[in-house]
N, C-alpha and C. Protein backbone atom coordinates (compact mmCIF):
# COMPACT_ATOMS: atom_id res chain seq x y z
N MET A 1 -20.33 -2.08 16.34
CA MET A 1 -19.13 -2.68 15.79
C MET A 1 -18.13 -2.88 16.92
N LYS A 2 -17.52 -4.07 16.98
CA LYS A 2 -16.51 -4.36 18.00
C LYS A 2 -15.14 -4.47 17.31
N ILE A 3 -14.21 -3.63 17.75
CA ILE A 3 -12.86 -3.61 17.20
C ILE A 3 -11.88 -3.97 18.30
N VAL A 4 -11.01 -4.92 18.01
CA VAL A 4 -9.98 -5.35 18.95
C VAL A 4 -8.62 -4.87 18.45
N ILE A 5 -7.86 -4.25 19.34
CA ILE A 5 -6.48 -3.90 19.05
C ILE A 5 -5.64 -4.98 19.72
N ALA A 6 -5.04 -5.85 18.91
CA ALA A 6 -4.28 -7.00 19.42
C ALA A 6 -2.80 -6.63 19.49
N GLY A 7 -2.32 -6.46 20.70
CA GLY A 7 -0.96 -6.00 20.94
C GLY A 7 -0.99 -4.51 21.19
N PHE A 8 -0.44 -4.07 22.32
CA PHE A 8 -0.56 -2.66 22.69
C PHE A 8 0.80 -2.04 22.97
N GLY A 9 1.74 -2.29 22.05
CA GLY A 9 3.03 -1.60 22.08
C GLY A 9 2.88 -0.27 21.36
N VAL A 10 3.96 0.22 20.78
CA VAL A 10 3.95 1.51 20.10
C VAL A 10 2.95 1.50 18.94
N GLU A 11 3.00 0.47 18.08
CA GLU A 11 2.09 0.43 16.95
C GLU A 11 0.65 0.19 17.38
N GLY A 12 0.45 -0.64 18.39
CA GLY A 12 -0.90 -0.89 18.89
C GLY A 12 -1.55 0.39 19.43
N GLN A 13 -0.79 1.20 20.14
CA GLN A 13 -1.32 2.47 20.65
C GLN A 13 -1.67 3.41 19.49
N SER A 14 -0.82 3.43 18.48
CA SER A 14 -1.09 4.24 17.30
C SER A 14 -2.33 3.73 16.57
N ASN A 15 -2.46 2.40 16.46
CA ASN A 15 -3.65 1.81 15.83
C ASN A 15 -4.92 2.21 16.57
N LEU A 16 -4.88 2.19 17.89
CA LEU A 16 -6.06 2.56 18.67
C LEU A 16 -6.46 4.01 18.39
N ARG A 17 -5.49 4.92 18.41
CA ARG A 17 -5.81 6.33 18.14
C ARG A 17 -6.43 6.48 16.75
N TYR A 18 -5.83 5.84 15.75
CA TYR A 18 -6.30 5.97 14.37
C TYR A 18 -7.72 5.39 14.21
N PHE A 19 -7.94 4.17 14.69
CA PHE A 19 -9.23 3.52 14.47
C PHE A 19 -10.33 4.10 15.34
N ARG A 20 -10.01 4.67 16.49
CA ARG A 20 -11.03 5.37 17.29
C ARG A 20 -11.51 6.61 16.57
N GLU A 21 -10.60 7.28 15.87
CA GLU A 21 -10.99 8.46 15.09
C GLU A 21 -11.81 8.03 13.87
N LYS A 22 -11.43 6.93 13.26
CA LYS A 22 -12.11 6.45 12.05
C LYS A 22 -13.50 5.88 12.38
N PHE A 23 -13.62 5.19 13.52
CA PHE A 23 -14.89 4.58 13.95
C PHE A 23 -15.25 5.05 15.35
N PRO A 24 -15.69 6.30 15.51
CA PRO A 24 -15.92 6.85 16.85
C PRO A 24 -17.04 6.15 17.64
N LYS A 25 -17.96 5.45 16.98
CA LYS A 25 -19.06 4.80 17.69
C LYS A 25 -18.78 3.33 18.00
N ALA A 26 -17.64 2.83 17.58
CA ALA A 26 -17.32 1.41 17.81
C ALA A 26 -16.93 1.16 19.26
N ASP A 27 -17.10 -0.08 19.68
CA ASP A 27 -16.63 -0.54 20.99
C ASP A 27 -15.22 -1.08 20.79
N PHE A 28 -14.28 -0.64 21.62
CA PHE A 28 -12.89 -1.05 21.48
C PHE A 28 -12.44 -1.90 22.66
N LEU A 29 -11.66 -2.91 22.32
CA LEU A 29 -11.04 -3.79 23.31
C LEU A 29 -9.57 -3.91 22.95
N VAL A 30 -8.71 -3.71 23.93
CA VAL A 30 -7.28 -3.95 23.75
C VAL A 30 -6.96 -5.30 24.36
N ALA A 31 -6.30 -6.16 23.57
CA ALA A 31 -5.85 -7.47 24.06
C ALA A 31 -4.33 -7.51 23.95
N ASP A 32 -3.69 -7.93 25.03
CA ASP A 32 -2.23 -7.97 25.05
C ASP A 32 -1.79 -9.13 25.93
N GLU A 33 -0.56 -9.57 25.76
CA GLU A 33 -0.03 -10.68 26.58
C GLU A 33 0.30 -10.24 27.99
N ARG A 34 0.52 -8.95 28.18
CA ARG A 34 0.89 -8.44 29.51
C ARG A 34 -0.34 -8.33 30.42
N GLU A 35 -0.10 -8.47 31.72
CA GLU A 35 -1.18 -8.35 32.71
C GLU A 35 -1.77 -6.93 32.74
N LYS A 36 -0.92 -5.94 32.53
CA LYS A 36 -1.33 -4.55 32.62
C LYS A 36 -0.57 -3.75 31.56
N VAL A 37 -1.24 -2.78 30.95
CA VAL A 37 -0.58 -1.91 29.98
C VAL A 37 -0.76 -0.46 30.39
N ASP A 38 0.17 0.38 29.97
CA ASP A 38 0.09 1.81 30.24
C ASP A 38 -0.65 2.50 29.10
N ASN A 39 -1.09 3.70 29.35
CA ASN A 39 -1.69 4.58 28.34
C ASN A 39 -3.01 4.07 27.77
N LEU A 40 -3.76 3.30 28.53
CA LEU A 40 -5.05 2.82 28.05
C LEU A 40 -6.09 3.92 28.29
N PRO A 41 -6.71 4.43 27.24
CA PRO A 41 -7.70 5.51 27.40
C PRO A 41 -8.96 5.03 28.11
N GLU A 42 -9.70 5.97 28.63
CA GLU A 42 -11.00 5.66 29.24
C GLU A 42 -11.92 5.11 28.16
N ASN A 43 -12.88 4.33 28.58
CA ASN A 43 -13.87 3.74 27.68
C ASN A 43 -13.30 2.72 26.70
N VAL A 44 -12.11 2.21 26.99
CA VAL A 44 -11.52 1.13 26.18
C VAL A 44 -11.30 -0.06 27.12
N ALA A 45 -11.92 -1.17 26.77
CA ALA A 45 -11.81 -2.38 27.60
C ALA A 45 -10.44 -3.02 27.39
N TYR A 46 -10.03 -3.84 28.37
CA TYR A 46 -8.74 -4.51 28.30
C TYR A 46 -8.87 -5.97 28.72
N GLN A 47 -8.14 -6.84 28.04
CA GLN A 47 -8.05 -8.23 28.48
C GLN A 47 -6.63 -8.74 28.26
N THR A 48 -6.22 -9.63 29.14
CA THR A 48 -4.93 -10.29 29.00
C THR A 48 -5.13 -11.54 28.15
N GLY A 49 -4.35 -11.67 27.10
CA GLY A 49 -4.46 -12.83 26.22
C GLY A 49 -5.36 -12.57 25.02
N PHE A 50 -5.39 -13.55 24.13
CA PHE A 50 -6.09 -13.37 22.85
C PHE A 50 -7.22 -14.37 22.63
N SER A 51 -7.71 -14.98 23.69
CA SER A 51 -8.84 -15.90 23.54
C SER A 51 -10.14 -15.11 23.66
N GLY A 52 -11.20 -15.68 23.13
CA GLY A 52 -12.51 -15.04 23.24
C GLY A 52 -12.72 -13.86 22.31
N LEU A 53 -12.00 -13.81 21.21
CA LEU A 53 -12.12 -12.69 20.27
C LEU A 53 -12.95 -13.06 19.05
N GLU A 54 -13.58 -14.22 19.08
CA GLU A 54 -14.30 -14.72 17.91
C GLU A 54 -15.41 -13.79 17.43
N ASP A 55 -16.00 -13.03 18.34
CA ASP A 55 -17.13 -12.17 17.97
C ASP A 55 -16.70 -10.77 17.50
N ALA A 56 -15.41 -10.51 17.41
CA ALA A 56 -14.95 -9.19 16.97
C ALA A 56 -15.23 -9.00 15.48
N ASP A 57 -15.67 -7.80 15.12
CA ASP A 57 -15.89 -7.49 13.71
C ASP A 57 -14.57 -7.23 13.00
N LEU A 58 -13.62 -6.64 13.74
CA LEU A 58 -12.32 -6.30 13.17
C LEU A 58 -11.27 -6.46 14.25
N ILE A 59 -10.18 -7.14 13.91
CA ILE A 59 -9.03 -7.24 14.81
C ILE A 59 -7.85 -6.59 14.11
N VAL A 60 -7.27 -5.58 14.75
CA VAL A 60 -6.10 -4.90 14.21
C VAL A 60 -4.89 -5.47 14.95
N ARG A 61 -4.08 -6.23 14.21
CA ARG A 61 -2.98 -6.99 14.78
C ARG A 61 -1.67 -6.23 14.67
N SER A 62 -0.91 -6.20 15.77
CA SER A 62 0.44 -5.64 15.75
C SER A 62 1.37 -6.61 15.03
N PRO A 63 2.41 -6.10 14.37
CA PRO A 63 3.27 -6.97 13.57
C PRO A 63 4.03 -8.03 14.36
N SER A 64 4.29 -7.79 15.63
CA SER A 64 5.05 -8.77 16.42
C SER A 64 4.18 -9.94 16.89
N LEU A 65 2.89 -9.83 16.72
CA LEU A 65 1.95 -10.86 17.18
C LEU A 65 1.74 -11.89 16.07
N PRO A 66 2.11 -13.16 16.29
CA PRO A 66 1.90 -14.19 15.26
C PRO A 66 0.42 -14.34 14.93
N PRO A 67 0.06 -14.36 13.65
CA PRO A 67 -1.35 -14.47 13.25
C PRO A 67 -2.04 -15.70 13.82
N LYS A 68 -1.32 -16.79 14.04
CA LYS A 68 -1.95 -18.02 14.53
C LYS A 68 -2.48 -17.88 15.97
N LYS A 69 -2.08 -16.82 16.68
CA LYS A 69 -2.58 -16.60 18.04
C LYS A 69 -3.99 -16.03 18.06
N ILE A 70 -4.48 -15.58 16.92
CA ILE A 70 -5.77 -14.90 16.87
C ILE A 70 -6.79 -15.76 16.13
N LYS A 71 -7.93 -15.98 16.77
CA LYS A 71 -9.05 -16.71 16.17
C LYS A 71 -10.25 -15.78 16.16
N THR A 72 -10.83 -15.58 14.98
CA THR A 72 -12.00 -14.72 14.87
C THR A 72 -12.79 -15.08 13.62
N SER A 73 -14.07 -14.75 13.64
CA SER A 73 -14.88 -14.88 12.43
C SER A 73 -14.89 -13.56 11.67
N GLY A 74 -14.35 -12.51 12.30
CA GLY A 74 -14.27 -11.21 11.66
C GLY A 74 -13.00 -11.05 10.84
N GLN A 75 -12.69 -9.84 10.49
CA GLN A 75 -11.54 -9.54 9.65
C GLN A 75 -10.31 -9.25 10.51
N ILE A 76 -9.15 -9.76 10.08
CA ILE A 76 -7.88 -9.43 10.74
C ILE A 76 -7.17 -8.43 9.83
N TRP A 77 -6.74 -7.33 10.41
CA TRP A 77 -6.20 -6.20 9.67
C TRP A 77 -4.92 -5.74 10.36
N SER A 78 -4.16 -4.85 9.73
CA SER A 78 -2.95 -4.29 10.33
C SER A 78 -2.76 -2.87 9.82
N ALA A 79 -1.84 -2.16 10.44
CA ALA A 79 -1.52 -0.80 9.98
C ALA A 79 -0.99 -0.85 8.55
N THR A 80 -0.26 -1.90 8.21
CA THR A 80 0.26 -2.04 6.85
C THR A 80 -0.87 -2.25 5.86
N ASN A 81 -1.85 -3.09 6.21
CA ASN A 81 -3.03 -3.26 5.34
C ASN A 81 -3.74 -1.92 5.12
N GLU A 82 -3.88 -1.17 6.20
CA GLU A 82 -4.57 0.13 6.12
C GLU A 82 -3.81 1.09 5.21
N PHE A 83 -2.48 1.10 5.33
CA PHE A 83 -1.65 1.94 4.47
C PHE A 83 -1.87 1.58 3.01
N PHE A 84 -1.83 0.29 2.69
CA PHE A 84 -2.02 -0.15 1.31
C PHE A 84 -3.41 0.22 0.81
N ALA A 85 -4.42 0.11 1.65
CA ALA A 85 -5.78 0.42 1.24
C ALA A 85 -5.99 1.91 1.01
N LYS A 86 -5.31 2.76 1.75
CA LYS A 86 -5.54 4.20 1.69
C LYS A 86 -4.54 4.98 0.83
N CYS A 87 -3.37 4.42 0.55
CA CYS A 87 -2.35 5.14 -0.21
C CYS A 87 -2.80 5.29 -1.66
N PRO A 88 -2.94 6.52 -2.15
CA PRO A 88 -3.43 6.72 -3.52
C PRO A 88 -2.35 6.52 -4.59
N ALA A 89 -1.11 6.41 -4.19
CA ALA A 89 -0.01 6.32 -5.15
C ALA A 89 0.43 4.88 -5.35
N PRO A 90 1.09 4.60 -6.48
CA PRO A 90 1.71 3.28 -6.63
C PRO A 90 2.73 3.08 -5.52
N ILE A 91 2.88 1.85 -5.06
CA ILE A 91 3.78 1.55 -3.96
C ILE A 91 4.94 0.72 -4.46
N ILE A 92 6.12 1.13 -4.11
CA ILE A 92 7.32 0.35 -4.41
C ILE A 92 7.73 -0.30 -3.10
N GLY A 93 7.60 -1.60 -3.01
CA GLY A 93 7.92 -2.32 -1.79
C GLY A 93 9.30 -2.94 -1.88
N VAL A 94 10.02 -2.90 -0.79
CA VAL A 94 11.35 -3.50 -0.73
C VAL A 94 11.39 -4.42 0.48
N THR A 95 11.71 -5.68 0.25
CA THR A 95 11.82 -6.64 1.33
C THR A 95 13.00 -7.55 1.08
N GLY A 96 13.44 -8.23 2.06
CA GLY A 96 14.57 -9.14 1.92
C GLY A 96 15.39 -9.18 3.19
N THR A 97 16.47 -9.94 3.15
CA THR A 97 17.29 -10.13 4.33
C THR A 97 18.19 -8.93 4.62
N LYS A 98 18.85 -8.44 3.61
CA LYS A 98 19.78 -7.31 3.79
C LYS A 98 19.64 -6.34 2.62
N GLY A 99 20.02 -5.10 2.85
CA GLY A 99 20.08 -4.12 1.76
C GLY A 99 18.83 -3.32 1.53
N LYS A 100 17.84 -3.39 2.42
CA LYS A 100 16.60 -2.64 2.20
C LYS A 100 16.83 -1.13 2.23
N GLY A 101 17.60 -0.67 3.21
CA GLY A 101 17.85 0.77 3.31
C GLY A 101 18.59 1.30 2.09
N THR A 102 19.60 0.58 1.66
CA THR A 102 20.36 0.98 0.48
C THR A 102 19.47 0.97 -0.76
N THR A 103 18.67 -0.07 -0.90
CA THR A 103 17.77 -0.17 -2.05
C THR A 103 16.76 0.97 -2.05
N CYS A 104 16.19 1.30 -0.90
CA CYS A 104 15.25 2.43 -0.82
C CYS A 104 15.93 3.74 -1.19
N SER A 105 17.18 3.91 -0.75
CA SER A 105 17.93 5.12 -1.11
C SER A 105 18.15 5.20 -2.62
N LEU A 106 18.49 4.08 -3.23
CA LEU A 106 18.69 4.04 -4.68
C LEU A 106 17.39 4.34 -5.42
N ILE A 107 16.29 3.76 -4.97
CA ILE A 107 15.00 4.02 -5.60
C ILE A 107 14.66 5.50 -5.53
N ALA A 108 14.88 6.11 -4.36
CA ALA A 108 14.59 7.54 -4.21
C ALA A 108 15.45 8.36 -5.17
N ARG A 109 16.71 7.98 -5.33
CA ARG A 109 17.59 8.71 -6.27
C ARG A 109 17.13 8.52 -7.71
N PHE A 110 16.76 7.31 -8.07
CA PHE A 110 16.27 7.06 -9.43
C PHE A 110 15.02 7.90 -9.70
N CYS A 111 14.12 7.92 -8.74
CA CYS A 111 12.90 8.70 -8.90
C CYS A 111 13.19 10.18 -9.01
N ALA A 112 14.15 10.66 -8.24
CA ALA A 112 14.51 12.08 -8.26
C ALA A 112 15.15 12.49 -9.59
N ARG A 113 15.74 11.53 -10.31
CA ARG A 113 16.41 11.82 -11.59
C ARG A 113 15.52 11.59 -12.80
N GLN A 114 14.24 11.47 -12.60
CA GLN A 114 13.32 11.32 -13.73
C GLN A 114 13.43 12.54 -14.61
N VAL A 115 13.02 12.40 -15.85
CA VAL A 115 13.07 13.52 -16.78
C VAL A 115 12.24 14.68 -16.25
N LYS A 116 11.06 14.40 -15.78
CA LYS A 116 10.25 15.46 -15.18
C LYS A 116 10.57 15.55 -13.69
N PRO A 117 10.35 16.68 -13.06
CA PRO A 117 10.63 16.80 -11.63
C PRO A 117 9.84 15.77 -10.83
N TYR A 118 10.45 15.25 -9.80
CA TYR A 118 9.82 14.23 -8.98
C TYR A 118 9.28 14.88 -7.72
N ILE A 119 7.97 14.77 -7.52
CA ILE A 119 7.32 15.37 -6.35
C ILE A 119 6.53 14.27 -5.65
N TRP A 120 6.72 14.15 -4.33
CA TRP A 120 5.93 13.17 -3.57
C TRP A 120 4.52 13.71 -3.47
N SER A 121 3.59 13.04 -4.15
CA SER A 121 2.19 13.47 -4.12
C SER A 121 1.31 12.25 -4.30
N ALA A 122 0.03 12.49 -4.43
CA ALA A 122 -0.92 11.39 -4.59
C ALA A 122 -0.70 10.62 -5.89
N THR A 123 -0.02 11.22 -6.85
CA THR A 123 0.21 10.53 -8.12
C THR A 123 1.63 9.98 -8.23
N SER A 124 2.45 10.22 -7.23
CA SER A 124 3.82 9.69 -7.27
C SER A 124 3.88 8.36 -6.54
N ALA A 125 4.99 7.69 -6.65
CA ALA A 125 5.13 6.37 -6.00
C ALA A 125 5.47 6.54 -4.53
N CYS A 126 5.07 5.59 -3.73
CA CYS A 126 5.43 5.53 -2.32
C CYS A 126 6.44 4.42 -2.15
N GLN A 127 7.53 4.71 -1.48
CA GLN A 127 8.44 3.61 -1.16
C GLN A 127 8.26 3.31 0.31
N ARG A 128 8.25 2.04 0.64
CA ARG A 128 7.98 1.64 2.02
C ARG A 128 8.76 0.38 2.30
N TRP A 129 9.55 0.39 3.38
CA TRP A 129 10.21 -0.83 3.81
C TRP A 129 9.16 -1.70 4.46
N ILE A 130 9.21 -2.99 4.17
CA ILE A 130 8.22 -3.88 4.75
C ILE A 130 8.86 -5.24 5.03
N SER A 131 8.55 -5.79 6.17
CA SER A 131 9.14 -7.09 6.53
C SER A 131 8.38 -8.22 5.84
N CYS A 132 9.07 -9.33 5.66
CA CYS A 132 8.44 -10.48 5.00
C CYS A 132 7.27 -11.01 5.83
N ARG A 133 7.31 -10.86 7.17
CA ARG A 133 6.21 -11.32 7.99
C ARG A 133 4.93 -10.55 7.70
N LYS A 134 5.07 -9.25 7.45
CA LYS A 134 3.90 -8.44 7.13
C LYS A 134 3.35 -8.82 5.76
N LEU A 135 4.23 -9.20 4.83
CA LEU A 135 3.77 -9.55 3.49
C LEU A 135 2.87 -10.78 3.48
N LYS A 136 3.06 -11.68 4.44
CA LYS A 136 2.29 -12.93 4.46
C LYS A 136 0.79 -12.70 4.52
N LYS A 137 0.36 -11.67 5.20
CA LYS A 137 -1.08 -11.44 5.41
C LYS A 137 -1.64 -10.28 4.58
N MET A 138 -0.89 -9.80 3.59
CA MET A 138 -1.35 -8.67 2.80
C MET A 138 -2.51 -9.09 1.90
N THR A 139 -3.47 -8.19 1.73
CA THR A 139 -4.61 -8.47 0.87
C THR A 139 -4.51 -7.71 -0.44
N SER A 140 -3.51 -6.85 -0.58
CA SER A 140 -3.27 -6.15 -1.84
C SER A 140 -1.81 -6.34 -2.18
N SER A 141 -1.42 -5.90 -3.37
CA SER A 141 -0.05 -6.16 -3.78
C SER A 141 0.67 -4.88 -4.18
N PHE A 142 1.99 -4.98 -4.26
CA PHE A 142 2.82 -3.86 -4.66
C PHE A 142 2.74 -3.66 -6.16
N THR A 143 2.96 -2.42 -6.60
CA THR A 143 3.12 -2.15 -8.02
C THR A 143 4.46 -2.73 -8.46
N ASN A 144 5.49 -2.51 -7.68
CA ASN A 144 6.83 -3.03 -7.92
C ASN A 144 7.37 -3.55 -6.60
N CYS A 145 8.10 -4.64 -6.63
CA CYS A 145 8.61 -5.18 -5.38
C CYS A 145 9.91 -5.94 -5.59
N PRO A 146 11.07 -5.24 -5.50
CA PRO A 146 12.33 -5.99 -5.55
C PRO A 146 12.52 -6.76 -4.25
N VAL A 147 12.93 -8.00 -4.35
CA VAL A 147 13.16 -8.83 -3.17
C VAL A 147 14.61 -9.29 -3.20
N PHE A 148 15.33 -9.01 -2.14
CA PHE A 148 16.73 -9.38 -2.06
C PHE A 148 16.93 -10.35 -0.91
N ASN A 149 17.68 -11.40 -1.15
CA ASN A 149 18.03 -12.34 -0.10
C ASN A 149 19.54 -12.48 -0.12
N CYS A 150 20.19 -11.57 0.58
CA CYS A 150 21.64 -11.51 0.57
C CYS A 150 22.24 -12.10 1.84
N GLY A 151 21.45 -12.82 2.61
CA GLY A 151 21.93 -13.37 3.88
C GLY A 151 23.00 -14.44 3.65
N ILE A 152 23.91 -14.53 4.59
CA ILE A 152 24.99 -15.52 4.49
C ILE A 152 24.58 -16.78 5.21
């Protein structure tokens, strides 16, 4: 299995650690726009740019990387996709121009005031701030998703 980590900033490095643990026998390639990156582990290949990735089985894309820059016959995935796939609880998503932090705080307070005690567990809801760019490529959906567009 060939896995490409597209973009090697903070999230790309985290993606590499996570997917190397999940798929220890896979071949990994890091692709980034920079000529050289720091913190590249041994046994991980590196290339500058995003061409020639058509044969990858899985490409894990960083959120700052526009999807149109990547061409592959394999699957394009992200840390957000992985979170949605693995989170056992209903997800309350909040997106929009302004007010996400306030809205998340209000949701947490509403949840805490439920008749029964509110405990963050596998059966409770997950609240997660998510940008509209990440929503474009999601393969699953939120249980609840208030969207605010309060921009001037």
